[in-house]
Amino acid sequence: MARYGKKAQSKVKKAMHERKAGTLKSGRSGKKVKSRKQAIAIGLSEARKAGGKVPKKSSSSKKKASSKRKPAAKKKASSKRKSSAKSKSSSAKKKS
């Protein structure tokens, strides 16, 4: 049994042609899509929205999206602020 329906096939085909022509753009940023994989993903996404027969997104792609976030960077930035504030206060004490 086929995993993808005719609608999915036609949407991916259209996205690939647009990519080749240089007119395919990503949704959020509006930048031109150069990657073949990204063009396929856009086509499948459009097919899902149109109600075509497309399997659900894999759990591995969901994990990759969530792992891109870096909450640790915020902690480092706040510690730098604290240390710079301490050095300013210590230099102020030396002057007086």
N, C-alpha and C. Protein backbone atom coordinates (compact mmCIF):
# COMPACT_ATOMS: atom_id res chain seq x y z
N MET A 1 0.84 -1.18 0.00
CA MET A 1 0.00 0.00 0.00
C MET A 1 0.89 1.25 0.00
N ALA A 2 0.51 2.24 -0.74
CA ALA A 2 1.31 3.46 -0.87
C ALA A 2 1.20 4.32 0.38
N ARG A 3 2.32 4.93 0.75
CA ARG A 3 2.31 5.79 1.93
C ARG A 3 1.79 7.17 1.60
N TYR A 4 2.10 7.64 0.40
CA TYR A 4 1.73 9.00 0.00
C TYR A 4 0.66 8.96 -1.09
N GLY A 5 -0.25 9.92 -1.05
CA GLY A 5 -1.31 10.00 -2.04
C GLY A 5 -0.91 10.84 -3.24
N LYS A 6 -1.81 10.95 -4.20
CA LYS A 6 -1.57 11.72 -5.43
C LYS A 6 -1.39 13.20 -5.12
N LYS A 7 -2.14 13.70 -4.16
CA LYS A 7 -2.06 15.11 -3.81
C LYS A 7 -0.67 15.45 -3.27
N ALA A 8 -0.13 14.57 -2.45
CA ALA A 8 1.21 14.78 -1.90
C ALA A 8 2.24 14.78 -3.02
N GLN A 9 2.07 13.88 -3.96
CA GLN A 9 3.00 13.78 -5.08
C GLN A 9 2.98 15.07 -5.91
N SER A 10 1.79 15.58 -6.17
CA SER A 10 1.69 16.78 -7.00
C SER A 10 2.22 18.01 -6.26
N LYS A 11 1.99 18.10 -4.95
CA LYS A 11 2.49 19.24 -4.17
C LYS A 11 4.01 19.26 -4.10
N VAL A 12 4.62 18.08 -3.91
CA VAL A 12 6.07 17.98 -3.85
C VAL A 12 6.66 18.31 -5.22
N LYS A 13 6.03 17.82 -6.26
CA LYS A 13 6.49 18.10 -7.63
C LYS A 13 6.47 19.60 -7.90
N LYS A 14 5.40 20.26 -7.49
CA LYS A 14 5.28 21.70 -7.69
C LYS A 14 6.35 22.46 -6.91
N ALA A 15 6.59 22.03 -5.66
CA ALA A 15 7.61 22.68 -4.82
C ALA A 15 9.00 22.51 -5.42
N MET A 16 9.28 21.33 -5.97
CA MET A 16 10.58 21.07 -6.58
C MET A 16 10.79 21.93 -7.83
N HIS A 17 9.74 22.10 -8.62
CA HIS A 17 9.83 22.95 -9.81
C HIS A 17 10.07 24.41 -9.42
N GLU A 18 9.39 24.85 -8.37
CA GLU A 18 9.57 26.22 -7.89
C GLU A 18 11.00 26.42 -7.37
N ARG A 19 11.53 25.41 -6.69
CA ARG A 19 12.90 25.50 -6.19
C ARG A 19 13.89 25.62 -7.34
N LYS A 20 13.68 24.81 -8.38
CA LYS A 20 14.56 24.86 -9.55
C LYS A 20 14.51 26.22 -10.22
N ALA A 21 13.31 26.81 -10.27
CA ALA A 21 13.15 28.12 -10.90
C ALA A 21 13.63 29.25 -10.01
N GLY A 22 13.82 28.95 -8.71
CA GLY A 22 14.29 29.96 -7.77
C GLY A 22 13.19 30.81 -7.19
N THR A 23 11.96 30.33 -7.26
CA THR A 23 10.83 31.11 -6.74
C THR A 23 10.25 30.55 -5.44
N LEU A 24 10.74 29.39 -5.00
CA LEU A 24 10.24 28.80 -3.76
C LEU A 24 10.85 29.52 -2.57
N LYS A 25 9.98 29.96 -1.66
CA LYS A 25 10.45 30.68 -0.48
C LYS A 25 9.92 30.00 0.78
N SER A 26 10.71 30.12 1.85
CA SER A 26 10.31 29.51 3.11
C SER A 26 9.21 30.36 3.74
N GLY A 27 8.45 29.73 4.62
CA GLY A 27 7.28 30.39 5.18
C GLY A 27 7.56 31.57 6.07
N ARG A 28 8.39 31.41 7.08
CA ARG A 28 8.57 32.46 8.07
C ARG A 28 9.46 33.58 7.60
N SER A 29 10.65 33.21 7.17
CA SER A 29 11.63 34.25 6.83
C SER A 29 11.44 34.79 5.43
N GLY A 30 10.87 34.00 4.54
CA GLY A 30 10.67 34.44 3.17
C GLY A 30 11.93 34.33 2.32
N LYS A 31 12.96 33.64 2.84
CA LYS A 31 14.20 33.46 2.09
C LYS A 31 14.00 32.40 1.01
N LYS A 32 14.81 32.47 -0.04
CA LYS A 32 14.74 31.48 -1.10
C LYS A 32 15.22 30.13 -0.58
N VAL A 33 14.52 29.08 -1.00
CA VAL A 33 14.87 27.73 -0.59
C VAL A 33 15.86 27.17 -1.60
N LYS A 34 17.02 26.72 -1.12
CA LYS A 34 18.04 26.14 -2.00
C LYS A 34 18.16 24.63 -1.79
N SER A 35 17.76 24.16 -0.63
CA SER A 35 17.91 22.76 -0.27
C SER A 35 16.80 21.90 -0.87
N ARG A 36 17.21 20.75 -1.41
CA ARG A 36 16.26 19.81 -1.99
C ARG A 36 15.36 19.23 -0.90
N LYS A 37 15.95 18.90 0.23
CA LYS A 37 15.19 18.32 1.34
C LYS A 37 14.16 19.30 1.88
N GLN A 38 14.54 20.57 1.94
CA GLN A 38 13.61 21.57 2.45
C GLN A 38 12.43 21.75 1.49
N ALA A 39 12.72 21.66 0.18
CA ALA A 39 11.65 21.77 -0.81
C ALA A 39 10.66 20.63 -0.67
N ILE A 40 11.16 19.43 -0.43
CA ILE A 40 10.28 18.26 -0.23
C ILE A 40 9.45 18.45 1.02
N ALA A 41 10.07 18.95 2.08
CA ALA A 41 9.35 19.16 3.34
C ALA A 41 8.23 20.18 3.16
N ILE A 42 8.49 21.22 2.39
CA ILE A 42 7.47 22.24 2.13
C ILE A 42 6.32 21.64 1.35
N GLY A 43 6.63 20.84 0.34
CA GLY A 43 5.60 20.18 -0.46
C GLY A 43 4.73 19.26 0.37
N LEU A 44 5.35 18.48 1.25
CA LEU A 44 4.59 17.56 2.11
C LEU A 44 3.74 18.33 3.11
N SER A 45 4.26 19.43 3.61
CA SER A 45 3.51 20.26 4.54
C SER A 45 2.26 20.83 3.88
N GLU A 46 2.43 21.31 2.64
CA GLU A 46 1.28 21.85 1.89
C GLU A 46 0.26 20.75 1.63
N ALA A 47 0.72 19.53 1.35
CA ALA A 47 -0.19 18.42 1.10
C ALA A 47 -0.97 18.07 2.37
N ARG A 48 -0.30 18.13 3.51
CA ARG A 48 -0.99 17.88 4.78
C ARG A 48 -2.11 18.88 5.01
N LYS A 49 -1.78 20.16 4.75
CA LYS A 49 -2.78 21.22 4.94
C LYS A 49 -3.96 21.06 3.98
N ALA A 50 -3.67 20.55 2.78
CA ALA A 50 -4.72 20.37 1.77
C ALA A 50 -5.53 19.09 2.01
N GLY A 51 -5.13 18.29 3.01
CA GLY A 51 -5.88 17.08 3.33
C GLY A 51 -5.43 15.86 2.56
N GLY A 52 -4.23 15.88 2.02
CA GLY A 52 -3.71 14.74 1.27
C GLY A 52 -3.27 13.62 2.18
N LYS A 53 -3.01 12.45 1.56
CA LYS A 53 -2.58 11.29 2.33
C LYS A 53 -1.07 11.36 2.53
N VAL A 54 -0.68 11.82 3.71
CA VAL A 54 0.73 11.96 4.06
C VAL A 54 0.91 11.43 5.47
N PRO A 55 1.94 10.60 5.72
CA PRO A 55 2.16 10.11 7.09
C PRO A 55 2.48 11.25 8.05
N LYS A 56 2.28 11.01 9.32
CA LYS A 56 2.59 12.01 10.33
C LYS A 56 4.08 12.28 10.35
N LYS A 57 4.46 13.44 10.87
CA LYS A 57 5.87 13.78 10.99
C LYS A 57 6.53 12.79 11.94
N SER A 58 7.78 12.41 11.65
CA SER A 58 8.48 11.45 12.49
C SER A 58 8.87 12.08 13.82
N SER A 59 8.99 11.27 14.84
CA SER A 59 9.33 11.77 16.17
C SER A 59 10.76 12.29 16.21
N SER A 60 11.63 11.78 15.32
CA SER A 60 13.02 12.23 15.32
C SER A 60 13.12 13.69 14.88
N SER A 61 12.28 14.10 13.94
CA SER A 61 12.32 15.50 13.51
C SER A 61 11.77 16.42 14.59
N LYS A 62 10.85 15.93 15.38
CA LYS A 62 10.33 16.73 16.49
C LYS A 62 11.39 16.92 17.56
N LYS A 63 12.19 15.86 17.81
CA LYS A 63 13.25 15.95 18.82
C LYS A 63 14.32 16.93 18.39
N LYS A 64 14.65 16.94 17.10
CA LYS A 64 15.68 17.84 16.59
C LYS A 64 15.26 19.29 16.76
N ALA A 65 14.00 19.58 16.53
CA ALA A 65 13.50 20.94 16.65
C ALA A 65 13.57 21.43 18.08
N SER A 66 13.26 20.56 19.03
CA SER A 66 13.28 20.97 20.43
C SER A 66 14.70 21.08 20.98
N SER A 67 15.64 20.33 20.42
CA SER A 67 17.01 20.37 20.93
C SER A 67 17.77 21.59 20.44
N LYS A 68 17.23 22.33 19.49
CA LYS A 68 17.91 23.51 18.97
C LYS A 68 17.89 24.66 19.96
N ARG A 69 16.95 24.65 20.87
CA ARG A 69 16.85 25.72 21.86
C ARG A 69 18.02 25.61 22.83
N LYS A 70 18.56 26.76 23.25
CA LYS A 70 19.69 26.75 24.17
C LYS A 70 19.38 27.62 25.38
N PRO A 71 18.72 27.07 26.40
CA PRO A 71 18.42 27.86 27.59
C PRO A 71 19.67 28.15 28.41
N ALA A 72 20.74 27.39 28.23
CA ALA A 72 21.97 27.59 29.00
C ALA A 72 22.63 28.92 28.64
N ALA A 73 22.42 29.40 27.43
CA ALA A 73 23.04 30.66 27.01
C ALA A 73 22.52 31.83 27.85
N LYS A 74 21.28 31.77 28.23
CA LYS A 74 20.71 32.84 29.05
C LYS A 74 21.37 32.87 30.43
N LYS A 75 21.65 31.69 30.98
CA LYS A 75 22.27 31.62 32.30
C LYS A 75 23.67 32.21 32.27
N LYS A 76 24.41 31.92 31.20
CA LYS A 76 25.77 32.45 31.09
C LYS A 76 25.75 33.97 30.98
N ALA A 77 24.82 34.49 30.22
CA ALA A 77 24.73 35.94 30.05
C ALA A 77 24.41 36.62 31.37
N SER A 78 23.52 36.02 32.15
CA SER A 78 23.17 36.64 33.43
C SER A 78 24.34 36.59 34.41
N SER A 79 25.16 35.53 34.35
CA SER A 79 26.31 35.46 35.25
C SER A 79 27.35 36.50 34.87
N LYS A 80 27.48 36.80 33.59
CA LYS A 80 28.41 37.83 33.15
C LYS A 80 27.98 39.20 33.68
N ARG A 81 26.69 39.42 33.64
CA ARG A 81 26.16 40.70 34.13
C ARG A 81 26.48 40.88 35.62
N LYS A 82 26.32 39.81 36.37
CA LYS A 82 26.57 39.88 37.81
C LYS A 82 28.04 40.17 38.09
N SER A 83 28.91 39.51 37.35
CA SER A 83 30.34 39.70 37.59
C SER A 83 30.78 41.10 37.20
N SER A 84 30.21 41.64 36.11
CA SER A 84 30.57 42.99 35.70
C SER A 84 30.04 44.02 36.70
N ALA A 85 28.89 43.73 37.29
CA ALA A 85 28.33 44.63 38.30
C ALA A 85 29.21 44.63 39.55
N LYS A 86 29.75 43.48 39.91
CA LYS A 86 30.63 43.38 41.08
C LYS A 86 31.92 44.17 40.85
N SER A 87 32.46 44.04 39.63
CA SER A 87 33.71 44.74 39.35
C SER A 87 33.51 46.26 39.36
N LYS A 88 32.35 46.71 38.90
CA LYS A 88 32.06 48.14 38.92
C LYS A 88 31.93 48.65 40.35
N SER A 89 31.29 47.88 41.20
CA SER A 89 31.11 48.30 42.59
C SER A 89 32.44 48.29 43.34
N SER A 90 33.31 47.33 43.04
CA SER A 90 34.60 47.28 43.70
C SER A 90 35.49 48.42 43.24
N SER A 91 35.39 48.81 41.97
CA SER A 91 36.19 49.94 41.46
C SER A 91 35.67 51.25 42.04
N ALA A 92 34.40 51.33 42.29
CA ALA A 92 33.82 52.53 42.88
C ALA A 92 34.30 52.70 44.33
N LYS A 93 34.45 51.59 45.04
CA LYS A 93 34.94 51.63 46.42
C LYS A 93 36.39 52.08 46.47
N LYS A 94 37.19 51.65 45.50
CA LYS A 94 38.60 52.03 45.46
C LYS A 94 38.78 53.53 45.25
N LYS A 95 37.93 54.12 44.42
CA LYS A 95 38.02 55.55 44.11
C LYS A 95 37.70 56.41 45.33
N SER A 96 36.76 55.96 46.15
CA SER A 96 36.35 56.78 47.32
C SER A 96 37.10 56.47 48.56
